[in-house]
């Protein structure tokens, strides 16, 4: 999408949210061979400032630096199905995760059409929201969410300082206070197990939680 729309004035900036920094996210960026700016947010500042609770999330910002669409699910295409020979090489939990991911409700065709319209028409596009609409769609932060953000930051701080065992209690508290924040959960799970499977540190894991809520509810519907 970036290669198609960059000549018309669009720039894509990807931001990996990962406490592990370049060691964790760098190989994925290198493998993608991106031509757009690819950043790594090891402090999760972007999700705290803008309300990102899951990935992939898109945020549209116009030439004046104004947000014209706040965070929402952003898929440029439908994930490709892996051939059987590659599936056979994956751990069983990874195969099960892919099976659940295939059930998720995503709308790449509608999203891409809206993006193309915005690039072509700017603020005349019906998909470019007015400031009051952006504010109305933005997530208000409840006291529990504020405490969850503080708990998550403390968990990150302890992990970076080499006190991983002490960080677990604060990550768990963030999960309890903000159960719908998948960014909090996935980060903690990944630090305990790169496959986000069952561990002694946490009572939940990615596969169990997705099955509990139903994969079709993992992303909210697009409001275009």
N, C-alpha and C. Protein backbone atom coordinates (compact mmCIF):
# COMPACT_ATOMS: atom_id res chain seq x y z
N UNK A 1 0.83 -1.20 0.00
CA UNK A 1 0.00 0.00 0.00
C UNK A 1 0.86 1.25 0.00
N UNK A 2 1.97 1.20 0.74
CA UNK A 2 2.85 2.37 0.78
C UNK A 2 3.44 2.64 -0.60
N UNK A 3 3.87 1.61 -1.30
CA UNK A 3 4.46 1.81 -2.61
C UNK A 3 3.44 2.36 -3.60
N UNK A 4 2.20 1.91 -3.47
CA UNK A 4 1.14 2.39 -4.36
C UNK A 4 0.80 3.85 -4.10
N UNK A 5 0.69 4.23 -2.82
CA UNK A 5 0.13 5.53 -2.48
C UNK A 5 1.17 6.60 -2.11
N UNK A 6 2.40 6.20 -1.94
CA UNK A 6 3.43 7.19 -1.61
C UNK A 6 3.57 8.28 -2.67
N UNK A 7 3.52 7.96 -3.96
CA UNK A 7 3.60 9.02 -4.97
C UNK A 7 2.47 10.04 -4.88
N UNK A 8 1.36 9.66 -4.22
CA UNK A 8 0.24 10.59 -4.06
C UNK A 8 0.31 11.36 -2.74
N UNK A 9 1.38 11.15 -1.99
CA UNK A 9 1.58 11.94 -0.78
C UNK A 9 1.42 11.20 0.53
N UNK A 10 1.15 9.89 0.49
CA UNK A 10 1.00 9.14 1.74
C UNK A 10 2.35 8.62 2.21
N UNK A 11 2.62 8.76 3.50
CA UNK A 11 3.75 8.06 4.09
C UNK A 11 3.24 7.15 5.18
N UNK A 12 3.77 5.95 5.19
CA UNK A 12 3.44 4.96 6.22
C UNK A 12 4.60 4.92 7.21
N UNK A 13 4.28 4.99 8.48
CA UNK A 13 5.28 4.81 9.54
C UNK A 13 4.80 3.68 10.42
N UNK A 14 5.56 2.60 10.50
CA UNK A 14 5.18 1.50 11.37
C UNK A 14 5.91 1.64 12.70
N UNK A 15 5.22 1.26 13.76
CA UNK A 15 5.79 1.34 15.11
C UNK A 15 5.57 0.00 15.80
N UNK A 16 6.65 -0.69 16.09
CA UNK A 16 6.57 -1.94 16.83
C UNK A 16 6.54 -1.62 18.32
N UNK A 17 5.54 -2.14 19.02
CA UNK A 17 5.42 -1.93 20.46
C UNK A 17 6.02 -3.15 21.16
N UNK A 18 7.24 -3.01 21.67
CA UNK A 18 7.89 -4.18 22.26
C UNK A 18 8.92 -3.74 23.30
N UNK A 19 8.70 -4.14 24.53
CA UNK A 19 9.64 -3.83 25.61
C UNK A 19 11.01 -4.41 25.32
N UNK A 20 11.06 -5.47 24.52
CA UNK A 20 12.34 -6.08 24.17
C UNK A 20 13.18 -5.26 23.22
N UNK A 21 12.62 -4.18 22.68
CA UNK A 21 13.38 -3.28 21.82
C UNK A 21 13.83 -3.91 20.53
N UNK A 22 15.01 -3.47 20.06
CA UNK A 22 15.51 -3.91 18.76
C UNK A 22 15.83 -5.40 18.74
N UNK A 23 16.23 -5.97 19.87
CA UNK A 23 16.53 -7.40 19.89
C UNK A 23 15.29 -8.22 19.54
N UNK A 24 14.12 -7.78 20.02
CA UNK A 24 12.89 -8.52 19.77
C UNK A 24 12.25 -8.16 18.45
N UNK A 25 12.17 -6.86 18.14
CA UNK A 25 11.42 -6.41 16.96
C UNK A 25 12.30 -6.25 15.72
N UNK A 26 13.59 -6.03 15.92
CA UNK A 26 14.48 -5.76 14.79
C UNK A 26 14.49 -6.83 13.72
N UNK A 27 14.57 -8.13 14.08
CA UNK A 27 14.59 -9.17 13.03
C UNK A 27 13.34 -9.16 12.15
N UNK A 28 12.17 -8.82 12.73
CA UNK A 28 10.95 -8.77 11.94
C UNK A 28 11.01 -7.62 10.93
N UNK A 29 11.54 -6.48 11.37
CA UNK A 29 11.67 -5.32 10.48
C UNK A 29 12.67 -5.64 9.36
N UNK A 30 13.79 -6.26 9.73
CA UNK A 30 14.79 -6.60 8.72
C UNK A 30 14.22 -7.56 7.69
N UNK A 31 13.46 -8.54 8.17
CA UNK A 31 12.91 -9.54 7.25
C UNK A 31 11.89 -8.92 6.29
N UNK A 32 11.14 -7.91 6.77
CA UNK A 32 10.13 -7.26 5.94
C UNK A 32 10.75 -6.39 4.84
N UNK A 33 12.02 -5.98 5.03
CA UNK A 33 12.71 -5.13 4.05
C UNK A 33 11.85 -3.91 3.68
N UNK A 34 11.42 -3.21 4.70
CA UNK A 34 10.53 -2.07 4.49
C UNK A 34 11.24 -0.92 3.79
N UNK A 35 10.47 -0.15 3.04
CA UNK A 35 10.98 1.09 2.43
C UNK A 35 10.45 2.30 3.18
N UNK A 36 9.54 2.11 4.11
CA UNK A 36 9.01 3.21 4.91
C UNK A 36 9.72 3.26 6.27
N UNK A 37 9.62 4.36 7.01
CA UNK A 37 10.20 4.42 8.35
C UNK A 37 9.59 3.35 9.25
N UNK A 38 10.43 2.57 9.89
CA UNK A 38 9.98 1.49 10.78
C UNK A 38 10.61 1.73 12.15
N UNK A 39 9.80 2.10 13.11
CA UNK A 39 10.27 2.48 14.44
C UNK A 39 9.96 1.40 15.46
N UNK A 40 10.65 1.47 16.60
CA UNK A 40 10.43 0.54 17.70
C UNK A 40 10.18 1.36 18.96
N UNK A 41 9.04 1.13 19.58
CA UNK A 41 8.66 1.82 20.81
C UNK A 41 8.83 0.84 21.97
N UNK A 42 10.00 0.87 22.60
CA UNK A 42 10.29 -0.08 23.67
C UNK A 42 9.66 0.33 25.01
N UNK A 43 9.10 1.53 25.08
CA UNK A 43 8.46 2.00 26.31
C UNK A 43 6.94 2.02 26.21
N UNK A 44 6.39 1.59 25.08
CA UNK A 44 4.94 1.58 24.87
C UNK A 44 4.34 2.98 25.06
N UNK A 45 5.08 4.00 24.65
CA UNK A 45 4.56 5.36 24.78
C UNK A 45 3.42 5.63 23.81
N UNK A 46 3.52 5.07 22.59
CA UNK A 46 2.50 5.34 21.57
C UNK A 46 1.14 4.82 22.02
N UNK A 47 1.09 3.60 22.53
CA UNK A 47 -0.21 3.07 22.93
C UNK A 47 -0.78 3.83 24.12
N UNK A 48 0.08 4.30 25.03
CA UNK A 48 -0.43 5.07 26.17
C UNK A 48 -0.96 6.43 25.73
N UNK A 49 -0.25 7.07 24.80
CA UNK A 49 -0.66 8.41 24.36
C UNK A 49 -1.91 8.39 23.49
N UNK A 50 -2.04 7.36 22.64
CA UNK A 50 -3.10 7.36 21.64
C UNK A 50 -4.18 6.32 21.87
N UNK A 51 -4.01 5.45 22.87
CA UNK A 51 -5.07 4.49 23.17
C UNK A 51 -5.05 3.24 22.33
N UNK A 52 -3.88 2.79 21.92
CA UNK A 52 -3.77 1.54 21.16
C UNK A 52 -3.87 0.36 22.13
N UNK A 53 -4.79 -0.56 21.86
CA UNK A 53 -4.98 -1.70 22.76
C UNK A 53 -4.78 -3.04 22.06
N UNK A 54 -4.48 -3.02 20.76
CA UNK A 54 -4.25 -4.25 20.02
C UNK A 54 -3.51 -3.90 18.74
N UNK A 55 -3.00 -4.90 18.07
CA UNK A 55 -2.34 -4.69 16.78
C UNK A 55 -2.90 -5.69 15.78
N UNK A 56 -2.87 -5.37 14.48
CA UNK A 56 -2.40 -4.11 13.89
C UNK A 56 -3.45 -3.00 14.03
N UNK A 57 -2.98 -1.82 14.39
CA UNK A 57 -3.83 -0.66 14.55
C UNK A 57 -3.33 0.45 13.64
N UNK A 58 -4.26 1.15 13.01
CA UNK A 58 -3.90 2.28 12.15
C UNK A 58 -4.41 3.58 12.73
N UNK A 59 -3.63 4.65 12.54
CA UNK A 59 -4.01 6.00 12.94
C UNK A 59 -3.69 6.91 11.76
N UNK A 60 -4.66 7.68 11.32
CA UNK A 60 -4.45 8.58 10.19
C UNK A 60 -4.13 9.98 10.69
N UNK A 61 -3.06 10.55 10.16
CA UNK A 61 -2.62 11.90 10.54
C UNK A 61 -2.45 12.71 9.26
N UNK A 62 -3.06 13.90 9.22
CA UNK A 62 -3.01 14.68 7.98
C UNK A 62 -1.75 15.54 7.90
N UNK A 63 -1.67 16.34 6.85
CA UNK A 63 -0.46 17.14 6.60
C UNK A 63 -0.20 18.18 7.68
N UNK A 64 -1.23 18.54 8.42
CA UNK A 64 -1.08 19.52 9.50
C UNK A 64 -0.75 18.86 10.85
N UNK A 65 -0.57 17.55 10.83
CA UNK A 65 -0.27 16.84 12.06
C UNK A 65 -1.47 16.56 12.92
N UNK A 66 -2.67 16.65 12.33
CA UNK A 66 -3.90 16.40 13.07
C UNK A 66 -4.37 14.97 12.84
N UNK A 67 -4.81 14.32 13.89
CA UNK A 67 -5.38 12.98 13.76
C UNK A 67 -6.76 13.10 13.13
N UNK A 68 -6.97 12.41 12.01
CA UNK A 68 -8.28 12.43 11.35
C UNK A 68 -8.99 11.09 11.46
N UNK A 69 -8.30 10.07 11.92
CA UNK A 69 -8.95 8.82 12.33
C UNK A 69 -8.14 8.27 13.51
N UNK A 70 -8.79 8.11 14.68
CA UNK A 70 -8.08 7.56 15.84
C UNK A 70 -7.85 6.06 15.68
N UNK A 71 -7.20 5.42 16.63
CA UNK A 71 -6.84 4.01 16.48
C UNK A 71 -8.02 3.10 16.13
N UNK A 72 -7.78 2.23 15.13
CA UNK A 72 -8.78 1.26 14.70
C UNK A 72 -8.04 0.10 14.03
N UNK A 73 -8.68 -1.09 13.93
CA UNK A 73 -8.02 -2.22 13.27
C UNK A 73 -7.62 -1.84 11.84
N UNK A 74 -6.39 -2.19 11.47
CA UNK A 74 -5.87 -1.78 10.15
C UNK A 74 -5.22 -2.97 9.47
N UNK A 75 -5.94 -3.55 8.52
CA UNK A 75 -5.42 -4.67 7.74
C UNK A 75 -5.36 -4.28 6.27
N UNK A 76 -4.18 -4.33 5.64
CA UNK A 76 -4.10 -4.03 4.21
C UNK A 76 -4.47 -5.21 3.32
N UNK A 77 -4.51 -6.42 3.89
CA UNK A 77 -4.89 -7.60 3.11
C UNK A 77 -5.26 -8.72 4.09
N UNK A 78 -5.84 -9.77 3.56
CA UNK A 78 -6.16 -10.92 4.40
C UNK A 78 -4.91 -11.79 4.56
N UNK A 79 -4.63 -12.24 5.79
CA UNK A 79 -3.45 -13.08 6.01
C UNK A 79 -3.45 -14.29 5.09
N UNK A 80 -2.29 -14.62 4.60
CA UNK A 80 -2.17 -15.75 3.69
C UNK A 80 -2.18 -17.07 4.45
N UNK A 81 -2.75 -18.10 3.85
CA UNK A 81 -2.76 -19.43 4.46
C UNK A 81 -1.43 -20.11 4.19
N UNK A 82 -0.82 -20.66 5.23
CA UNK A 82 0.45 -21.33 5.06
C UNK A 82 0.26 -22.70 4.42
N UNK A 83 1.15 -23.09 3.54
CA UNK A 83 1.05 -24.44 2.96
C UNK A 83 1.26 -25.51 4.02
N UNK A 84 0.74 -26.69 3.74
CA UNK A 84 0.79 -27.78 4.72
C UNK A 84 2.21 -28.12 5.14
N UNK A 85 3.16 -28.02 4.21
CA UNK A 85 4.53 -28.41 4.57
C UNK A 85 5.14 -27.44 5.59
N UNK A 86 4.72 -26.17 5.55
CA UNK A 86 5.20 -25.22 6.56
C UNK A 86 4.46 -25.40 7.88
N UNK A 87 3.15 -25.67 7.80
CA UNK A 87 2.39 -25.91 9.02
C UNK A 87 2.95 -27.10 9.79
N UNK A 88 3.41 -28.10 9.06
CA UNK A 88 3.94 -29.31 9.70
C UNK A 88 5.21 -29.02 10.50
N UNK A 89 5.88 -27.92 10.19
CA UNK A 89 7.12 -27.57 10.88
C UNK A 89 6.88 -26.72 12.13
N UNK A 90 5.65 -26.26 12.33
CA UNK A 90 5.35 -25.37 13.45
C UNK A 90 4.99 -26.15 14.70
N UNK A 91 5.25 -25.57 15.88
CA UNK A 91 4.76 -26.19 17.12
C UNK A 91 3.24 -26.27 17.11
N UNK A 92 2.70 -27.24 17.81
CA UNK A 92 1.25 -27.46 17.80
C UNK A 92 0.50 -26.21 18.24
N UNK A 93 1.02 -25.49 19.24
CA UNK A 93 0.31 -24.31 19.71
C UNK A 93 0.25 -23.23 18.63
N UNK A 94 1.29 -23.10 17.84
CA UNK A 94 1.30 -22.11 16.77
C UNK A 94 0.25 -22.44 15.71
N UNK A 95 0.09 -23.70 15.41
CA UNK A 95 -0.94 -24.11 14.44
C UNK A 95 -2.33 -23.78 14.98
N UNK A 96 -2.56 -24.06 16.26
CA UNK A 96 -3.85 -23.75 16.86
C UNK A 96 -4.11 -22.24 16.87
N UNK A 97 -3.07 -21.45 17.13
CA UNK A 97 -3.21 -20.00 17.10
C UNK A 97 -3.58 -19.51 15.71
N UNK A 98 -2.97 -20.08 14.69
CA UNK A 98 -3.30 -19.70 13.32
C UNK A 98 -4.74 -20.06 12.98
N UNK A 99 -5.19 -21.20 13.48
CA UNK A 99 -6.57 -21.61 13.23
C UNK A 99 -7.55 -20.62 13.85
N UNK A 100 -7.26 -20.14 15.05
CA UNK A 100 -8.13 -19.15 15.69
C UNK A 100 -8.05 -17.81 14.96
N UNK A 101 -6.84 -17.43 14.56
CA UNK A 101 -6.68 -16.16 13.86
C UNK A 101 -7.47 -16.12 12.56
N UNK A 102 -7.60 -17.27 11.91
CA UNK A 102 -8.36 -17.33 10.65
C UNK A 102 -9.84 -17.04 10.85
N UNK A 103 -10.33 -17.16 12.09
CA UNK A 103 -11.74 -16.91 12.38
C UNK A 103 -12.01 -15.45 12.72
N UNK A 104 -10.97 -14.66 12.84
CA UNK A 104 -11.15 -13.28 13.30
C UNK A 104 -11.84 -12.42 12.25
N UNK A 105 -12.64 -11.49 12.71
CA UNK A 105 -13.36 -10.58 11.83
C UNK A 105 -12.43 -9.42 11.47
N UNK A 106 -12.02 -9.38 10.21
CA UNK A 106 -11.21 -8.27 9.70
C UNK A 106 -11.84 -7.77 8.40
N UNK A 107 -11.58 -6.51 8.06
CA UNK A 107 -12.21 -5.91 6.90
C UNK A 107 -11.19 -5.16 6.04
N UNK A 108 -10.20 -5.89 5.50
CA UNK A 108 -9.15 -5.19 4.74
C UNK A 108 -9.67 -4.48 3.49
N UNK A 109 -10.64 -5.07 2.80
CA UNK A 109 -11.12 -4.45 1.57
C UNK A 109 -11.73 -3.08 1.85
N UNK A 110 -12.57 -3.02 2.88
CA UNK A 110 -13.21 -1.75 3.24
C UNK A 110 -12.18 -0.74 3.73
N UNK A 111 -11.22 -1.22 4.52
CA UNK A 111 -10.20 -0.31 5.07
C UNK A 111 -9.34 0.29 3.95
N UNK A 112 -8.90 -0.55 3.05
CA UNK A 112 -8.05 -0.08 1.95
C UNK A 112 -8.81 0.89 1.05
N UNK A 113 -10.07 0.62 0.78
CA UNK A 113 -10.87 1.54 -0.04
C UNK A 113 -10.98 2.90 0.62
N UNK A 114 -11.19 2.91 1.94
CA UNK A 114 -11.28 4.17 2.67
C UNK A 114 -9.95 4.91 2.64
N UNK A 115 -8.86 4.19 2.81
CA UNK A 115 -7.54 4.81 2.79
C UNK A 115 -7.25 5.44 1.43
N UNK A 116 -7.55 4.73 0.36
CA UNK A 116 -7.34 5.28 -0.98
C UNK A 116 -8.17 6.55 -1.20
N UNK A 117 -9.40 6.54 -0.70
CA UNK A 117 -10.26 7.71 -0.86
C UNK A 117 -9.68 8.92 -0.12
N UNK A 118 -9.18 8.68 1.09
CA UNK A 118 -8.58 9.78 1.87
C UNK A 118 -7.35 10.34 1.17
N UNK A 119 -6.49 9.46 0.68
CA UNK A 119 -5.28 9.93 -0.01
C UNK A 119 -5.65 10.76 -1.24
N UNK A 120 -6.69 10.34 -1.95
CA UNK A 120 -7.09 11.05 -3.16
C UNK A 120 -7.80 12.37 -2.87
N UNK A 121 -8.57 12.41 -1.78
CA UNK A 121 -9.46 13.56 -1.55
C UNK A 121 -9.16 14.38 -0.31
N UNK A 122 -8.24 13.94 0.51
CA UNK A 122 -7.87 14.72 1.68
C UNK A 122 -9.04 14.97 2.61
N UNK A 123 -9.16 16.23 3.09
CA UNK A 123 -10.21 16.52 4.06
C UNK A 123 -11.60 16.51 3.45
N UNK A 124 -11.69 16.34 2.12
CA UNK A 124 -13.00 16.19 1.48
C UNK A 124 -13.50 14.75 1.55
N UNK A 125 -12.64 13.83 1.93
CA UNK A 125 -13.02 12.43 2.03
C UNK A 125 -14.00 12.23 3.19
N UNK A 126 -15.05 11.46 2.98
CA UNK A 126 -15.97 11.19 4.09
C UNK A 126 -15.33 10.37 5.21
N UNK A 127 -14.16 9.80 4.94
CA UNK A 127 -13.48 8.99 5.95
C UNK A 127 -12.54 9.81 6.82
N UNK A 128 -12.31 11.07 6.45
CA UNK A 128 -11.51 11.98 7.28
C UNK A 128 -12.44 12.64 8.28
N UNK A 129 -12.28 12.32 9.55
CA UNK A 129 -13.20 12.79 10.57
C UNK A 129 -12.84 14.19 11.05
N UNK A 130 -13.86 14.93 11.44
CA UNK A 130 -13.66 16.25 12.03
C UNK A 130 -13.12 16.08 13.45
N UNK A 131 -12.47 17.13 13.99
CA UNK A 131 -11.89 17.00 15.34
C UNK A 131 -12.88 16.52 16.40
N UNK A 132 -14.12 17.02 16.37
CA UNK A 132 -15.08 16.58 17.39
C UNK A 132 -15.44 15.11 17.22
N UNK A 133 -15.42 14.61 15.98
CA UNK A 133 -15.68 13.19 15.74
C UNK A 133 -14.52 12.33 16.25
N UNK A 134 -13.31 12.83 16.04
CA UNK A 134 -12.13 12.10 16.52
C UNK A 134 -12.18 12.00 18.04
N UNK A 135 -12.51 13.10 18.70
CA UNK A 135 -12.58 13.09 20.16
C UNK A 135 -13.68 12.14 20.63
N UNK A 136 -14.81 12.15 19.94
CA UNK A 136 -15.92 11.29 20.33
C UNK A 136 -15.55 9.81 20.22
N UNK A 137 -14.71 9.49 19.24
CA UNK A 137 -14.32 8.08 19.05
C UNK A 137 -13.15 7.67 19.92
N UNK A 138 -12.44 8.63 20.46
CA UNK A 138 -11.27 8.31 21.27
C UNK A 138 -11.72 7.73 22.60
N UNK A 139 -10.88 6.87 23.14
CA UNK A 139 -11.26 6.16 24.35
C UNK A 139 -11.03 7.03 25.59
N UNK A 140 -12.08 7.31 26.38
CA UNK A 140 -11.85 7.97 27.67
C UNK A 140 -11.14 6.99 28.61
N UNK A 141 -10.30 7.50 29.48
CA UNK A 141 -9.55 6.63 30.39
C UNK A 141 -10.21 6.65 31.76
N UNK A 142 -10.69 5.51 32.20
CA UNK A 142 -11.31 5.38 33.51
C UNK A 142 -10.22 5.31 34.58
N UNK A 143 -10.59 5.47 35.86
CA UNK A 143 -9.59 5.30 36.93
C UNK A 143 -8.89 3.94 36.86
N UNK A 144 -9.64 2.88 36.58
CA UNK A 144 -9.01 1.55 36.48
C UNK A 144 -8.01 1.51 35.33
N UNK A 145 -8.35 2.13 34.21
CA UNK A 145 -7.41 2.14 33.09
C UNK A 145 -6.17 2.95 33.41
N UNK A 146 -6.33 4.02 34.15
CA UNK A 146 -5.16 4.81 34.56
C UNK A 146 -4.26 3.99 35.49
N UNK A 147 -4.86 3.28 36.42
CA UNK A 147 -4.06 2.44 37.31
C UNK A 147 -3.42 1.29 36.54
N UNK A 148 -4.13 0.77 35.54
CA UNK A 148 -3.56 -0.29 34.70
C UNK A 148 -2.34 0.23 33.95
N UNK A 149 -2.43 1.45 33.42
CA UNK A 149 -1.29 2.03 32.69
C UNK A 149 -0.09 2.19 33.61
N UNK A 150 -0.35 2.64 34.85
CA UNK A 150 0.75 2.79 35.80
C UNK A 150 1.35 1.44 36.17
N UNK A 151 0.50 0.44 36.35
CA UNK A 151 0.98 -0.90 36.68
C UNK A 151 1.81 -1.48 35.54
N UNK A 152 1.34 -1.29 34.31
CA UNK A 152 2.07 -1.81 33.15
C UNK A 152 3.43 -1.12 33.02
N UNK A 153 3.47 0.17 33.24
CA UNK A 153 4.74 0.90 33.16
C UNK A 153 5.71 0.41 34.23
N UNK A 154 5.20 0.17 35.43
CA UNK A 154 6.07 -0.32 36.50
C UNK A 154 6.58 -1.72 36.17
N UNK A 155 5.70 -2.55 35.60
CA UNK A 155 6.15 -3.87 35.19
C UNK A 155 7.25 -3.80 34.15
N UNK A 156 7.09 -2.90 33.17
CA UNK A 156 8.14 -2.71 32.16
C UNK A 156 9.45 -2.25 32.79
N UNK A 157 9.34 -1.27 33.71
CA UNK A 157 10.54 -0.74 34.36
C UNK A 157 11.30 -1.84 35.09
N UNK A 158 10.58 -2.65 35.84
CA UNK A 158 11.23 -3.72 36.58
C UNK A 158 11.87 -4.73 35.64
N UNK A 159 11.19 -5.04 34.53
CA UNK A 159 11.74 -6.00 33.57
C UNK A 159 13.03 -5.44 32.96
N UNK A 160 13.00 -4.18 32.55
CA UNK A 160 14.19 -3.59 31.94
C UNK A 160 15.35 -3.50 32.92
N UNK A 161 15.01 -3.35 34.22
CA UNK A 161 16.05 -3.24 35.25
C UNK A 161 16.59 -4.60 35.68
N UNK A 162 16.10 -5.66 35.05
CA UNK A 162 16.60 -6.99 35.37
C UNK A 162 15.85 -7.69 36.49
N UNK A 163 14.69 -7.16 36.88
CA UNK A 163 13.89 -7.77 37.95
C UNK A 163 12.62 -8.39 37.34
N UNK A 164 12.81 -9.32 36.44
CA UNK A 164 11.68 -9.90 35.71
C UNK A 164 10.68 -10.57 36.64
N UNK A 165 11.18 -11.25 37.66
CA UNK A 165 10.26 -11.94 38.58
C UNK A 165 9.36 -10.93 39.28
N UNK A 166 9.90 -9.79 39.65
CA UNK A 166 9.11 -8.77 40.34
C UNK A 166 8.13 -8.08 39.40
N UNK A 167 8.42 -8.10 38.10
CA UNK A 167 7.54 -7.41 37.15
C UNK A 167 6.22 -8.14 36.96
N UNK A 168 6.20 -9.45 37.21
CA UNK A 168 5.02 -10.25 36.89
C UNK A 168 3.79 -9.75 37.64
N UNK A 169 3.93 -9.45 38.93
CA UNK A 169 2.77 -9.03 39.72
C UNK A 169 2.16 -7.75 39.15
N UNK A 170 3.00 -6.86 38.63
CA UNK A 170 2.47 -5.60 38.09
C UNK A 170 1.85 -5.80 36.73
N UNK A 171 2.42 -6.69 35.92
CA UNK A 171 1.77 -7.02 34.65
C UNK A 171 0.41 -7.68 34.91
N UNK A 172 0.35 -8.56 35.89
CA UNK A 172 -0.92 -9.21 36.22
C UNK A 172 -1.95 -8.19 36.68
N UNK A 173 -1.50 -7.20 37.44
CA UNK A 173 -2.43 -6.16 37.89
C UNK A 173 -2.95 -5.34 36.71
N UNK A 174 -2.07 -5.04 35.75
CA UNK A 174 -2.52 -4.33 34.54
C UNK A 174 -3.56 -5.14 33.79
N UNK A 175 -3.35 -6.45 33.71
CA UNK A 175 -4.32 -7.33 33.03
C UNK A 175 -5.66 -7.32 33.77
N UNK A 176 -5.61 -7.33 35.10
CA UNK A 176 -6.85 -7.37 35.88
C UNK A 176 -7.64 -6.07 35.70
N UNK A 177 -6.94 -4.95 35.70
CA UNK A 177 -7.61 -3.66 35.64
C UNK A 177 -8.08 -3.30 34.22
N UNK A 178 -7.38 -3.81 33.22
CA UNK A 178 -7.73 -3.49 31.82
C UNK A 178 -7.79 -4.79 31.02
N UNK A 179 -8.80 -5.63 31.27
CA UNK A 179 -8.84 -6.96 30.65
C UNK A 179 -9.00 -6.94 29.13
N UNK A 180 -9.43 -5.82 28.56
CA UNK A 180 -9.61 -5.75 27.11
C UNK A 180 -8.37 -5.20 26.40
N UNK A 181 -7.33 -4.90 27.15
CA UNK A 181 -6.12 -4.35 26.54
C UNK A 181 -5.19 -5.50 26.16
N UNK A 182 -5.25 -5.87 24.89
CA UNK A 182 -4.44 -6.99 24.41
C UNK A 182 -2.97 -6.62 24.31
N UNK A 183 -2.64 -5.36 24.18
CA UNK A 183 -1.24 -4.95 24.15
C UNK A 183 -0.57 -5.27 25.49
N UNK A 184 -1.25 -4.97 26.58
CA UNK A 184 -0.70 -5.30 27.90
C UNK A 184 -0.50 -6.80 28.03
N UNK A 185 -1.52 -7.55 27.65
CA UNK A 185 -1.46 -9.00 27.86
C UNK A 185 -0.41 -9.64 26.96
N UNK A 186 -0.41 -9.29 25.69
CA UNK A 186 0.51 -9.94 24.76
C UNK A 186 1.95 -9.62 25.10
N UNK A 187 2.22 -8.40 25.58
CA UNK A 187 3.59 -8.07 25.94
C UNK A 187 4.08 -8.93 27.09
N UNK A 188 3.27 -9.04 28.14
CA UNK A 188 3.67 -9.83 29.29
C UNK A 188 3.81 -11.31 28.92
N UNK A 189 2.84 -11.82 28.18
CA UNK A 189 2.91 -13.23 27.77
C UNK A 189 4.17 -13.50 26.96
N UNK A 190 4.52 -12.58 26.05
CA UNK A 190 5.68 -12.79 25.19
C UNK A 190 6.96 -12.79 25.99
N UNK A 191 7.04 -11.95 27.02
CA UNK A 191 8.25 -11.92 27.86
C UNK A 191 8.41 -13.24 28.61
N UNK A 192 7.28 -13.89 28.93
CA UNK A 192 7.33 -15.18 29.63
C UNK A 192 7.52 -16.34 28.68
N UNK A 193 6.96 -16.23 27.47
CA UNK A 193 7.02 -17.30 26.48
C UNK A 193 6.83 -16.67 25.10
N UNK A 194 7.83 -16.73 24.22
CA UNK A 194 7.70 -16.09 22.90
C UNK A 194 6.47 -16.53 22.12
N UNK A 195 5.94 -17.74 22.40
CA UNK A 195 4.74 -18.22 21.70
C UNK A 195 3.46 -17.81 22.41
N UNK A 196 3.57 -17.10 23.53
CA UNK A 196 2.41 -16.63 24.30
C UNK A 196 1.52 -17.79 24.75
N UNK A 197 2.16 -18.88 25.10
CA UNK A 197 1.42 -20.04 25.57
C UNK A 197 1.25 -20.04 27.08
N UNK A 198 0.77 -21.14 27.64
CA UNK A 198 0.56 -21.26 29.07
C UNK A 198 1.90 -21.20 29.80
N UNK A 199 1.93 -20.44 30.89
CA UNK A 199 3.13 -20.33 31.71
C UNK A 199 2.72 -20.32 33.18
N UNK A 200 3.71 -20.50 34.06
CA UNK A 200 3.45 -20.45 35.50
C UNK A 200 3.20 -19.03 35.96
N UNK A 201 3.68 -18.05 35.20
CA UNK A 201 3.57 -16.66 35.63
C UNK A 201 2.15 -16.11 35.52
N UNK A 202 1.38 -16.58 34.53
CA UNK A 202 0.08 -15.98 34.25
C UNK A 202 -1.01 -17.04 34.19
N UNK A 203 -2.19 -16.64 34.62
CA UNK A 203 -3.33 -17.56 34.60
C UNK A 203 -4.00 -17.62 33.23
N UNK A 204 -3.59 -16.72 32.33
CA UNK A 204 -4.18 -16.67 31.01
C UNK A 204 -3.07 -16.75 29.95
N UNK A 205 -3.47 -16.98 28.72
CA UNK A 205 -2.56 -17.00 27.58
C UNK A 205 -3.36 -16.63 26.35
N UNK A 206 -2.67 -16.37 25.24
CA UNK A 206 -3.35 -15.84 24.06
C UNK A 206 -4.43 -16.78 23.55
N UNK A 207 -4.09 -18.04 23.37
CA UNK A 207 -5.04 -18.98 22.78
C UNK A 207 -6.27 -19.16 23.67
N UNK A 208 -6.05 -19.32 24.96
CA UNK A 208 -7.17 -19.51 25.88
C UNK A 208 -8.09 -18.30 25.91
N UNK A 209 -7.50 -17.10 25.94
CA UNK A 209 -8.31 -15.89 26.02
C UNK A 209 -9.09 -15.64 24.73
N UNK A 210 -8.47 -15.92 23.59
CA UNK A 210 -9.18 -15.74 22.32
C UNK A 210 -10.35 -16.72 22.22
N UNK A 211 -10.13 -17.93 22.63
CA UNK A 211 -11.22 -18.91 22.60
C UNK A 211 -12.33 -18.52 23.58
N UNK A 212 -11.96 -17.93 24.70
CA UNK A 212 -12.96 -17.55 25.70
C UNK A 212 -13.90 -16.47 25.18
N UNK A 213 -13.35 -15.46 24.49
CA UNK A 213 -14.20 -14.36 24.00
C UNK A 213 -14.78 -14.65 22.62
N UNK A 214 -14.21 -15.62 21.91
CA UNK A 214 -14.60 -15.89 20.53
C UNK A 214 -13.71 -15.10 19.59
N UNK A 215 -13.05 -15.80 18.68
CA UNK A 215 -12.10 -15.13 17.79
C UNK A 215 -12.74 -14.01 16.99
N UNK A 216 -14.05 -14.14 16.69
CA UNK A 216 -14.72 -13.11 15.91
C UNK A 216 -14.86 -11.81 16.68
N UNK A 217 -14.63 -11.84 17.99
CA UNK A 217 -14.75 -10.63 18.81
C UNK A 217 -13.38 -10.04 19.17
N UNK A 218 -12.33 -10.57 18.59
CA UNK A 218 -10.98 -10.13 18.95
C UNK A 218 -10.75 -8.67 18.51
N UNK A 219 -11.27 -8.29 17.36
CA UNK A 219 -11.19 -6.91 16.88
C UNK A 219 -12.59 -6.32 16.84
N UNK A 220 -12.74 -5.05 17.20
CA UNK A 220 -14.05 -4.41 17.04
C UNK A 220 -14.34 -4.18 15.56
N UNK A 221 -15.61 -4.07 15.17
CA UNK A 221 -15.91 -3.78 13.76
C UNK A 221 -15.46 -2.39 13.38
N UNK A 222 -15.06 -2.23 12.13
CA UNK A 222 -14.69 -0.90 11.63
C UNK A 222 -15.91 0.01 11.60
N UNK A 223 -15.71 1.25 11.97
CA UNK A 223 -16.77 2.25 11.89
C UNK A 223 -16.43 3.22 10.77
N UNK A 224 -16.68 2.81 9.55
CA UNK A 224 -16.34 3.65 8.40
C UNK A 224 -17.54 4.51 7.97
